[in-house]
Amino acid sequence: MSNNIPTLDPRTLSAINYYVGTPDGQFLKGCGAATMAKKAYVTVNSLMRQQSNPDSHLDSPEYLRFIEGKKQTPDLISVEGINGILEMVRLMYVFAKSRDQKELQTLRAGRKSEVEVTGDEAQVITCFQSTTKDSLENLVNLGYTQKKDLAICKFHLHPSAVILDMESLGNAYGKPEEREVLILPSNCQIVTYVGEDPTVLGKDNLPAKRYDVHVYGPDQSHYFDSLSTDEEFLRGIVFDFKNLVAERIFYEALNTNIGGEFPEMPSCHYRWKQALNELIRLELRK
């Protein structure tokens, strides 16, 4: 199998560019949405990363993005928006699985709370992870290290990993200067803590934590051992009108309250996100 780009149909390209923040204005319209949210990745990653403690918001992705002043896209919290997320993830996953991947090394400047040290045990990646082939020096110069509890991860992407090397898409990709390699859901990773790096300081002026991360494909994970295989049951939770309204109000408040008090999470939040992630898992397993 060659490493040439397989046929990149317009719908898949639209999904990729919509996720990374360079939308062509067509993707959500194809899902029946009346409006076009500007970008997807902040909200999609928030929805796909579950907090470890359902009774506390402090380690939730919504809270971490809120305190950094990152805006969400509440338009995605709708029937059309959720259907769009399901299709977007599926299209990107199928395309990435069709690629003949080479071994790559990339970097990511993230938050320590997003890294779980696993030693010799595999930890499943359940959301998208944006990494780059760029240098650490450039990440610092471009401001990507301005995060509290900064973690610098060096990724070793093995050939079995399901990834999208955006640079290989050429002019079809809207931000080639970022040299982005996107790690898709379903992969497994083995994380090792390397130590502090006093030469790289985060937004809190503390030295970055350094990690080595080996990434392998889903065959070595239990990602598709779904907690529930009852798709109708999961859809009943995810597309419940009251749940969608409560979640959309919460995501709108995340934007309007930036700089102020973190809004109260709806009572359905943890269960709703769990059901959504199970639905995504079922979609990819197909």
Foldseek 3Di string as FASTA:
>chain_A
DDQAQPDCDPQLLQLVQQAVQNHPQCQLVVLVQPDRFRHAPLVQQQLQDAAPDPVDCCLRSLVQCLQVQDAHGLSLLAPSNLVSSLVSLQSLQVSLQPGQDAKDKWKAKDAPSVDDADAPDKDFDRAKDKTAPDDPVVCVVVPRQAGPNIAMEIETEHRQFRKDQQCSVPPSHDCNVRRIIMGGGQKIKHKDWDAWDQVRAYNVRGTYTYMYIYIHHNVPDCLLVFPDPPLVVLCCLQNPPVNSVQVSVQSVCSNVQRVHDRDDRDPCSNVNSSSSSSNSSNSNVD
